Amino acid sequence: MAERYIPHSNSPVEMRRAIQQLEIALSDLEDISVPSYAAGEDIEAGMPLYMPADGKLYHARADDLDKSEVCGVASGSASEGGQVEVVMAGIVSLENWTDAIGAVELTAGTIYYLAETGGLTAVVPTTINDAFMLVGRALSVNDLEVLPGRPTKL
């Protein structure tokens, strides 16, 4: 990785050098791949997932605290035992979000939460004893910025 450079003046030369260093750092990020793990069940693209001690991925759901800690969102589909790619932080881009939200497109600017029985919902969860779990924010109708944290019991 390139040396980190922060300009300490308004010099155009220093600003250009800082921009070049930023370009190098960003190009390093393009080489990062999305990890894949074994699917513990059939997984659909766009679904929020959790990973228990067995190291496999399963559908997360808000009505079961043990299954509510979202580790990421599936960027593709996989059959049980197959490999599924999961975006743990970053952007998931899909042309069709039907499996996750029940509609083809996200609503840009909307915050999405873990739904009670799995998938994503734009409705703020309020059911007592369910988990409140923010999953991400729609940047556009196709792009979800994944921002999982820790679930909170309601």
N, C-alpha and C. Protein backbone atom coordinates (compact mmCIF):
# COMPACT_ATOMS: atom_id res chain seq x y z
N MET A 1 0.84 -1.17 0.00
CA MET A 1 0.00 0.00 0.00
C MET A 1 0.89 1.23 0.00
N ALA A 2 0.43 2.25 -0.68
CA ALA A 2 1.21 3.48 -0.82
C ALA A 2 1.28 4.24 0.50
N GLU A 3 2.31 5.04 0.62
CA GLU A 3 2.49 5.88 1.79
C GLU A 3 1.34 6.87 1.88
N ARG A 4 0.83 7.07 3.09
CA ARG A 4 -0.25 8.01 3.29
C ARG A 4 0.31 9.42 3.35
N TYR A 5 -0.29 10.31 2.57
CA TYR A 5 0.21 11.68 2.52
C TYR A 5 -0.94 12.64 2.76
N ILE A 6 -0.76 13.53 3.71
CA ILE A 6 -1.76 14.55 4.01
C ILE A 6 -1.09 15.90 3.83
N PRO A 7 -1.63 16.76 2.96
CA PRO A 7 -1.00 18.06 2.75
C PRO A 7 -1.14 18.94 3.98
N HIS A 8 -0.14 19.77 4.21
CA HIS A 8 -0.19 20.67 5.35
C HIS A 8 -0.22 22.14 4.92
N SER A 9 -0.46 22.35 3.65
CA SER A 9 -0.59 23.72 3.16
C SER A 9 -1.55 23.73 1.97
N ASN A 10 -1.78 24.88 1.42
CA ASN A 10 -2.67 25.02 0.27
C ASN A 10 -1.89 25.01 -1.04
N SER A 11 -0.67 24.52 -1.01
CA SER A 11 0.17 24.50 -2.20
C SER A 11 -0.45 23.58 -3.26
N PRO A 12 -0.57 24.05 -4.50
CA PRO A 12 -1.10 23.20 -5.57
C PRO A 12 -0.27 21.93 -5.78
N VAL A 13 1.02 22.02 -5.57
CA VAL A 13 1.88 20.84 -5.73
C VAL A 13 1.54 19.80 -4.67
N GLU A 14 1.40 20.25 -3.44
CA GLU A 14 1.06 19.32 -2.36
C GLU A 14 -0.35 18.74 -2.54
N MET A 15 -1.27 19.56 -3.01
CA MET A 15 -2.64 19.07 -3.24
C MET A 15 -2.63 18.01 -4.35
N ARG A 16 -1.87 18.24 -5.40
CA ARG A 16 -1.78 17.26 -6.50
C ARG A 16 -1.19 15.95 -5.98
N ARG A 17 -0.16 16.05 -5.15
CA ARG A 17 0.45 14.83 -4.60
C ARG A 17 -0.56 14.08 -3.71
N ALA A 18 -1.34 14.81 -2.93
CA ALA A 18 -2.36 14.17 -2.09
C ALA A 18 -3.40 13.47 -2.94
N ILE A 19 -3.81 14.10 -4.04
CA ILE A 19 -4.79 13.48 -4.94
C ILE A 19 -4.22 12.21 -5.57
N GLN A 20 -2.96 12.24 -5.97
CA GLN A 20 -2.33 11.04 -6.54
C GLN A 20 -2.30 9.91 -5.51
N GLN A 21 -1.98 10.23 -4.26
CA GLN A 21 -1.95 9.20 -3.22
C GLN A 21 -3.35 8.63 -2.99
N LEU A 22 -4.35 9.49 -3.03
CA LEU A 22 -5.73 9.03 -2.88
C LEU A 22 -6.13 8.11 -4.04
N GLU A 23 -5.75 8.46 -5.26
CA GLU A 23 -6.05 7.63 -6.42
C GLU A 23 -5.40 6.24 -6.27
N ILE A 24 -4.18 6.20 -5.77
CA ILE A 24 -3.49 4.93 -5.56
C ILE A 24 -4.22 4.11 -4.49
N ALA A 25 -4.61 4.76 -3.40
CA ALA A 25 -5.32 4.05 -2.33
C ALA A 25 -6.65 3.51 -2.83
N LEU A 26 -7.38 4.27 -3.62
CA LEU A 26 -8.66 3.81 -4.15
C LEU A 26 -8.48 2.66 -5.13
N SER A 27 -7.41 2.67 -5.92
CA SER A 27 -7.17 1.57 -6.84
C SER A 27 -6.86 0.29 -6.08
N ASP A 28 -6.23 0.41 -4.90
CA ASP A 28 -5.99 -0.76 -4.06
C ASP A 28 -7.31 -1.37 -3.60
N LEU A 29 -8.32 -0.54 -3.33
CA LEU A 29 -9.62 -1.03 -2.88
C LEU A 29 -10.33 -1.84 -3.95
N GLU A 30 -10.10 -1.53 -5.22
CA GLU A 30 -10.75 -2.25 -6.31
C GLU A 30 -10.34 -3.72 -6.34
N ASP A 31 -9.22 -4.05 -5.73
CA ASP A 31 -8.73 -5.42 -5.73
C ASP A 31 -9.36 -6.27 -4.64
N ILE A 32 -10.16 -5.65 -3.75
CA ILE A 32 -10.78 -6.39 -2.66
C ILE A 32 -11.96 -7.18 -3.20
N SER A 33 -12.00 -8.46 -2.92
CA SER A 33 -13.09 -9.29 -3.41
C SER A 33 -14.13 -9.47 -2.31
N VAL A 34 -15.33 -9.83 -2.73
CA VAL A 34 -16.41 -10.11 -1.80
C VAL A 34 -16.24 -11.53 -1.31
N PRO A 35 -16.21 -11.75 0.02
CA PRO A 35 -16.00 -13.11 0.52
C PRO A 35 -17.20 -14.01 0.25
N SER A 36 -16.94 -15.29 0.14
CA SER A 36 -18.04 -16.25 -0.03
C SER A 36 -17.91 -17.32 1.05
N TYR A 37 -19.06 -17.81 1.47
CA TYR A 37 -19.14 -18.83 2.52
C TYR A 37 -20.17 -19.86 2.10
N ALA A 38 -20.16 -21.00 2.78
CA ALA A 38 -21.14 -22.06 2.50
C ALA A 38 -22.52 -21.61 2.96
N ALA A 39 -23.50 -21.90 2.14
CA ALA A 39 -24.89 -21.60 2.48
C ALA A 39 -25.46 -22.76 3.29
N GLY A 40 -26.01 -22.45 4.46
CA GLY A 40 -26.62 -23.48 5.31
C GLY A 40 -28.03 -23.82 4.88
N GLU A 41 -28.57 -23.02 3.95
CA GLU A 41 -29.90 -23.23 3.37
C GLU A 41 -29.91 -22.50 2.04
N ASP A 42 -30.98 -22.65 1.26
CA ASP A 42 -31.08 -21.91 0.01
C ASP A 42 -31.12 -20.42 0.34
N ILE A 43 -30.28 -19.64 -0.33
CA ILE A 43 -30.16 -18.20 -0.08
C ILE A 43 -30.51 -17.45 -1.37
N GLU A 44 -31.30 -16.40 -1.23
CA GLU A 44 -31.66 -15.55 -2.36
C GLU A 44 -30.87 -14.24 -2.31
N ALA A 45 -30.59 -13.69 -3.47
CA ALA A 45 -29.86 -12.42 -3.56
C ALA A 45 -30.63 -11.33 -2.83
N GLY A 46 -29.89 -10.50 -2.10
CA GLY A 46 -30.46 -9.37 -1.39
C GLY A 46 -30.90 -9.67 0.03
N MET A 47 -30.85 -10.92 0.42
CA MET A 47 -31.32 -11.29 1.77
C MET A 47 -30.26 -10.99 2.82
N PRO A 48 -30.68 -10.44 3.96
CA PRO A 48 -29.76 -10.26 5.08
C PRO A 48 -29.43 -11.63 5.69
N LEU A 49 -28.19 -11.82 6.07
CA LEU A 49 -27.72 -13.13 6.52
C LEU A 49 -27.07 -13.05 7.89
N TYR A 50 -27.08 -14.17 8.59
CA TYR A 50 -26.33 -14.28 9.85
C TYR A 50 -25.50 -15.55 9.77
N MET A 51 -24.47 -15.62 10.61
CA MET A 51 -23.58 -16.77 10.62
C MET A 51 -23.42 -17.30 12.04
N PRO A 52 -24.02 -18.47 12.34
CA PRO A 52 -23.84 -19.06 13.67
C PRO A 52 -22.48 -19.77 13.77
N ALA A 53 -22.29 -20.50 14.84
CA ALA A 53 -21.01 -21.14 15.11
C ALA A 53 -20.58 -22.15 14.06
N ASP A 54 -21.52 -22.68 13.26
CA ASP A 54 -21.14 -23.68 12.24
C ASP A 54 -20.43 -23.05 11.05
N GLY A 55 -20.37 -21.71 10.98
CA GLY A 55 -19.64 -21.03 9.92
C GLY A 55 -20.36 -20.96 8.59
N LYS A 56 -21.64 -21.33 8.55
CA LYS A 56 -22.44 -21.25 7.33
C LYS A 56 -23.38 -20.06 7.42
N LEU A 57 -23.88 -19.63 6.27
CA LEU A 57 -24.78 -18.48 6.21
C LEU A 57 -26.24 -18.93 6.16
N TYR A 58 -27.09 -18.20 6.89
CA TYR A 58 -28.52 -18.47 6.94
C TYR A 58 -29.28 -17.15 6.87
N HIS A 59 -30.59 -17.22 6.54
CA HIS A 59 -31.44 -16.03 6.55
C HIS A 59 -31.56 -15.48 7.97
N ALA A 60 -31.31 -14.21 8.11
CA ALA A 60 -31.50 -13.54 9.40
C ALA A 60 -32.97 -13.17 9.53
N ARG A 61 -33.45 -13.07 10.78
CA ARG A 61 -34.84 -12.69 11.03
C ARG A 61 -34.94 -11.99 12.37
N ALA A 62 -35.81 -10.99 12.43
CA ALA A 62 -35.93 -10.15 13.63
C ALA A 62 -36.71 -10.80 14.75
N ASP A 63 -37.52 -11.81 14.45
CA ASP A 63 -38.34 -12.42 15.51
C ASP A 63 -37.61 -13.51 16.29
N ASP A 64 -36.34 -13.71 16.03
CA ASP A 64 -35.53 -14.69 16.74
C ASP A 64 -34.18 -14.03 17.04
N LEU A 65 -33.98 -13.65 18.29
CA LEU A 65 -32.75 -12.91 18.63
C LEU A 65 -31.49 -13.66 18.26
N ASP A 66 -31.51 -14.99 18.31
CA ASP A 66 -30.33 -15.77 17.94
C ASP A 66 -30.03 -15.67 16.45
N LYS A 67 -31.00 -15.27 15.65
CA LYS A 67 -30.83 -15.18 14.19
C LYS A 67 -30.88 -13.75 13.69
N SER A 68 -30.75 -12.79 14.59
CA SER A 68 -30.94 -11.40 14.21
C SER A 68 -29.67 -10.60 13.98
N GLU A 69 -28.52 -11.15 14.30
CA GLU A 69 -27.28 -10.39 14.11
C GLU A 69 -26.81 -10.54 12.66
N VAL A 70 -27.16 -9.57 11.85
CA VAL A 70 -26.85 -9.58 10.43
C VAL A 70 -25.35 -9.38 10.23
N CYS A 71 -24.73 -10.31 9.48
CA CYS A 71 -23.31 -10.16 9.17
C CYS A 71 -23.11 -9.53 7.80
N GLY A 72 -24.18 -9.50 6.99
CA GLY A 72 -24.08 -8.93 5.65
C GLY A 72 -25.30 -9.25 4.83
N VAL A 73 -25.23 -8.90 3.54
CA VAL A 73 -26.33 -9.11 2.60
C VAL A 73 -25.80 -9.92 1.42
N ALA A 74 -26.58 -10.93 1.02
CA ALA A 74 -26.17 -11.79 -0.10
C ALA A 74 -26.15 -10.99 -1.40
N SER A 75 -25.03 -11.06 -2.12
CA SER A 75 -24.94 -10.35 -3.40
C SER A 75 -25.37 -11.25 -4.56
N GLY A 76 -25.66 -12.51 -4.26
CA GLY A 76 -26.14 -13.46 -5.25
C GLY A 76 -26.89 -14.58 -4.55
N SER A 77 -27.42 -15.49 -5.32
CA SER A 77 -28.17 -16.61 -4.75
C SER A 77 -27.29 -17.85 -4.70
N ALA A 78 -27.68 -18.80 -3.84
CA ALA A 78 -26.95 -20.07 -3.74
C ALA A 78 -27.88 -21.13 -3.16
N SER A 79 -27.67 -22.35 -3.56
CA SER A 79 -28.40 -23.49 -3.00
C SER A 79 -27.70 -23.93 -1.73
N GLU A 80 -28.43 -24.63 -0.88
CA GLU A 80 -27.85 -25.15 0.36
C GLU A 80 -26.58 -25.94 0.04
N GLY A 81 -25.51 -25.66 0.75
CA GLY A 81 -24.23 -26.32 0.53
C GLY A 81 -23.35 -25.63 -0.49
N GLY A 82 -23.93 -24.74 -1.30
CA GLY A 82 -23.15 -23.99 -2.28
C GLY A 82 -22.48 -22.79 -1.64
N GLN A 83 -21.76 -22.04 -2.42
CA GLN A 83 -21.07 -20.84 -1.94
C GLN A 83 -21.91 -19.61 -2.25
N VAL A 84 -22.03 -18.72 -1.26
CA VAL A 84 -22.76 -17.48 -1.45
C VAL A 84 -21.85 -16.32 -1.08
N GLU A 85 -21.83 -15.30 -1.94
CA GLU A 85 -21.05 -14.10 -1.66
C GLU A 85 -21.87 -13.19 -0.77
N VAL A 86 -21.20 -12.62 0.24
CA VAL A 86 -21.89 -11.75 1.19
C VAL A 86 -21.14 -10.43 1.33
N VAL A 87 -21.85 -9.33 1.16
CA VAL A 87 -21.28 -8.00 1.36
C VAL A 87 -21.50 -7.63 2.82
N MET A 88 -20.40 -7.54 3.55
CA MET A 88 -20.48 -7.25 4.98
C MET A 88 -20.48 -5.75 5.27
N ALA A 89 -19.92 -5.00 4.40
CA ALA A 89 -19.94 -3.54 4.45
C ALA A 89 -19.63 -3.07 3.04
N GLY A 90 -20.42 -2.18 2.54
CA GLY A 90 -20.25 -1.73 1.17
C GLY A 90 -21.58 -1.72 0.46
N ILE A 91 -21.56 -1.90 -0.85
CA ILE A 91 -22.77 -1.74 -1.65
C ILE A 91 -23.13 -3.05 -2.36
N VAL A 92 -24.40 -3.42 -2.22
CA VAL A 92 -24.97 -4.54 -2.97
C VAL A 92 -25.82 -3.93 -4.08
N SER A 93 -25.51 -4.29 -5.33
CA SER A 93 -26.27 -3.79 -6.48
C SER A 93 -27.04 -4.95 -7.10
N LEU A 94 -28.35 -4.81 -7.15
CA LEU A 94 -29.21 -5.83 -7.76
C LEU A 94 -30.23 -5.16 -8.66
N GLU A 95 -30.56 -5.82 -9.75
CA GLU A 95 -31.61 -5.33 -10.64
C GLU A 95 -32.98 -5.68 -10.10
N ASN A 96 -33.06 -6.71 -9.23
CA ASN A 96 -34.35 -7.17 -8.73
C ASN A 96 -34.22 -7.51 -7.24
N TRP A 97 -34.94 -6.76 -6.40
CA TRP A 97 -34.90 -6.93 -4.94
C TRP A 97 -36.12 -7.68 -4.41
N THR A 98 -36.89 -8.31 -5.30
CA THR A 98 -38.16 -8.93 -4.91
C THR A 98 -38.02 -9.92 -3.77
N ASP A 99 -37.03 -10.78 -3.78
CA ASP A 99 -36.87 -11.78 -2.72
C ASP A 99 -36.66 -11.13 -1.36
N ALA A 100 -35.98 -10.00 -1.33
CA ALA A 100 -35.63 -9.36 -0.06
C ALA A 100 -36.70 -8.39 0.45
N ILE A 101 -37.36 -7.65 -0.46
CA ILE A 101 -38.30 -6.62 0.00
C ILE A 101 -39.71 -6.79 -0.55
N GLY A 102 -39.91 -7.73 -1.47
CA GLY A 102 -41.24 -7.91 -2.05
C GLY A 102 -41.54 -6.94 -3.17
N ALA A 103 -40.55 -6.21 -3.64
CA ALA A 103 -40.69 -5.29 -4.76
C ALA A 103 -39.40 -5.34 -5.57
N VAL A 104 -39.50 -5.01 -6.84
CA VAL A 104 -38.33 -5.07 -7.72
C VAL A 104 -37.26 -4.06 -7.32
N GLU A 105 -37.70 -2.86 -6.94
CA GLU A 105 -36.75 -1.78 -6.66
C GLU A 105 -36.79 -1.33 -5.21
N LEU A 106 -35.64 -0.88 -4.74
CA LEU A 106 -35.54 -0.21 -3.45
C LEU A 106 -36.11 1.20 -3.60
N THR A 107 -36.37 1.86 -2.50
CA THR A 107 -36.76 3.27 -2.52
C THR A 107 -35.53 4.07 -2.12
N ALA A 108 -35.00 4.82 -3.07
CA ALA A 108 -33.77 5.58 -2.83
C ALA A 108 -33.92 6.47 -1.60
N GLY A 109 -32.87 6.48 -0.76
CA GLY A 109 -32.85 7.29 0.44
C GLY A 109 -33.50 6.63 1.66
N THR A 110 -34.10 5.48 1.47
CA THR A 110 -34.80 4.79 2.55
C THR A 110 -33.85 3.94 3.37
N ILE A 111 -34.07 3.91 4.68
CA ILE A 111 -33.33 3.03 5.59
C ILE A 111 -34.07 1.70 5.63
N TYR A 112 -33.34 0.60 5.53
CA TYR A 112 -33.93 -0.74 5.58
C TYR A 112 -33.47 -1.47 6.84
N TYR A 113 -34.43 -2.15 7.45
CA TYR A 113 -34.23 -2.89 8.68
C TYR A 113 -34.45 -4.37 8.42
N LEU A 114 -33.99 -5.19 9.34
CA LEU A 114 -34.25 -6.62 9.29
C LEU A 114 -35.74 -6.84 9.56
N ALA A 115 -36.41 -7.57 8.66
CA ALA A 115 -37.83 -7.84 8.81
C ALA A 115 -38.06 -8.97 9.80
N GLU A 116 -39.25 -8.99 10.37
CA GLU A 116 -39.59 -9.96 11.41
C GLU A 116 -39.35 -11.40 10.97
N THR A 117 -39.78 -11.76 9.77
CA THR A 117 -39.63 -13.15 9.31
C THR A 117 -38.53 -13.30 8.26
N GLY A 118 -37.65 -12.31 8.18
CA GLY A 118 -36.54 -12.35 7.24
C GLY A 118 -36.73 -11.35 6.12
N GLY A 119 -35.67 -11.05 5.42
CA GLY A 119 -35.73 -10.04 4.38
C GLY A 119 -35.54 -8.66 4.96
N LEU A 120 -35.90 -7.67 4.16
CA LEU A 120 -35.72 -6.28 4.53
C LEU A 120 -37.07 -5.57 4.59
N THR A 121 -37.17 -4.57 5.46
CA THR A 121 -38.38 -3.76 5.56
C THR A 121 -37.98 -2.31 5.76
N ALA A 122 -38.80 -1.42 5.20
CA ALA A 122 -38.60 0.00 5.40
C ALA A 122 -39.38 0.49 6.62
N VAL A 123 -40.19 -0.39 7.19
CA VAL A 123 -40.99 -0.04 8.37
C VAL A 123 -40.14 -0.26 9.62
N VAL A 124 -40.06 0.77 10.44
CA VAL A 124 -39.28 0.67 11.68
C VAL A 124 -39.91 -0.40 12.57
N PRO A 125 -39.14 -1.41 12.97
CA PRO A 125 -39.69 -2.48 13.82
C PRO A 125 -40.11 -1.96 15.20
N THR A 126 -41.26 -2.45 15.68
CA THR A 126 -41.76 -2.03 16.99
C THR A 126 -42.30 -3.20 17.81
N THR A 127 -42.25 -4.42 17.30
CA THR A 127 -42.80 -5.57 18.02
C THR A 127 -41.94 -5.90 19.23
N ILE A 128 -42.58 -5.94 20.40
CA ILE A 128 -41.88 -6.25 21.65
C ILE A 128 -41.22 -7.63 21.55
N ASN A 129 -40.00 -7.74 22.03
CA ASN A 129 -39.15 -8.94 22.04
C ASN A 129 -38.51 -9.27 20.70
N ASP A 130 -38.85 -8.54 19.64
CA ASP A 130 -38.15 -8.70 18.36
C ASP A 130 -36.85 -7.91 18.43
N ALA A 131 -36.01 -8.12 17.43
CA ALA A 131 -34.75 -7.38 17.35
C ALA A 131 -34.92 -6.16 16.45
N PHE A 132 -34.35 -5.07 16.88
CA PHE A 132 -34.25 -3.87 16.04
C PHE A 132 -32.87 -3.94 15.41
N MET A 133 -32.82 -4.09 14.09
CA MET A 133 -31.54 -4.28 13.41
C MET A 133 -31.52 -3.48 12.12
N LEU A 134 -30.77 -2.40 12.08
CA LEU A 134 -30.58 -1.63 10.86
C LEU A 134 -29.67 -2.44 9.95
N VAL A 135 -30.06 -2.58 8.68
CA VAL A 135 -29.25 -3.34 7.73
C VAL A 135 -28.54 -2.42 6.74
N GLY A 136 -29.23 -1.39 6.26
CA GLY A 136 -28.59 -0.52 5.29
C GLY A 136 -29.47 0.60 4.81
N ARG A 137 -28.93 1.34 3.84
CA ARG A 137 -29.61 2.50 3.27
C ARG A 137 -29.57 2.40 1.75
N ALA A 138 -30.71 2.63 1.12
CA ALA A 138 -30.79 2.58 -0.34
C ALA A 138 -30.17 3.84 -0.93
N LEU A 139 -29.14 3.65 -1.72
CA LEU A 139 -28.50 4.78 -2.40
C LEU A 139 -29.23 5.11 -3.70
N SER A 140 -29.88 4.08 -4.26
CA SER A 140 -30.66 4.22 -5.49
C SER A 140 -31.67 3.08 -5.52
N VAL A 141 -32.39 2.92 -6.61
CA VAL A 141 -33.37 1.84 -6.70
C VAL A 141 -32.71 0.47 -6.80
N ASN A 142 -31.43 0.43 -7.13
CA ASN A 142 -30.70 -0.84 -7.27
C ASN A 142 -29.62 -1.06 -6.22
N ASP A 143 -29.17 -0.01 -5.56
CA ASP A 143 -27.99 -0.09 -4.69
C ASP A 143 -28.32 0.09 -3.21
N LEU A 144 -27.93 -0.91 -2.41
CA LEU A 144 -28.10 -0.84 -0.96
C LEU A 144 -26.72 -0.73 -0.32
N GLU A 145 -26.52 0.31 0.47
CA GLU A 145 -25.29 0.45 1.24
C GLU A 145 -25.48 -0.35 2.52
N VAL A 146 -24.70 -1.41 2.69
CA VAL A 146 -24.84 -2.30 3.84
C VAL A 146 -24.12 -1.68 5.03
N LEU A 147 -24.88 -1.50 6.14
CA LEU A 147 -24.37 -0.84 7.34
C LEU A 147 -24.80 -1.59 8.60
N PRO A 148 -24.57 -2.89 8.68
CA PRO A 148 -25.08 -3.61 9.85
C PRO A 148 -24.34 -3.24 11.12
N GLY A 149 -25.09 -3.29 12.21
CA GLY A 149 -24.51 -3.04 13.52
C GLY A 149 -24.81 -4.21 14.41
N ARG A 150 -25.27 -3.93 15.63
CA ARG A 150 -25.65 -4.97 16.59
C ARG A 150 -27.15 -4.88 16.81
N PRO A 151 -27.83 -6.01 16.89
CA PRO A 151 -29.28 -5.96 17.13
C PRO A 151 -29.59 -5.53 18.56
N THR A 152 -30.73 -4.88 18.71
CA THR A 152 -31.21 -4.45 20.01
C THR A 152 -32.58 -5.08 20.24
N LYS A 153 -32.77 -5.71 21.39
CA LYS A 153 -34.05 -6.31 21.70
C LYS A 153 -35.06 -5.22 22.03
N LEU A 154 -36.23 -5.29 21.40
CA LEU A 154 -37.29 -4.31 21.66
C LEU A 154 -38.10 -4.70 22.88
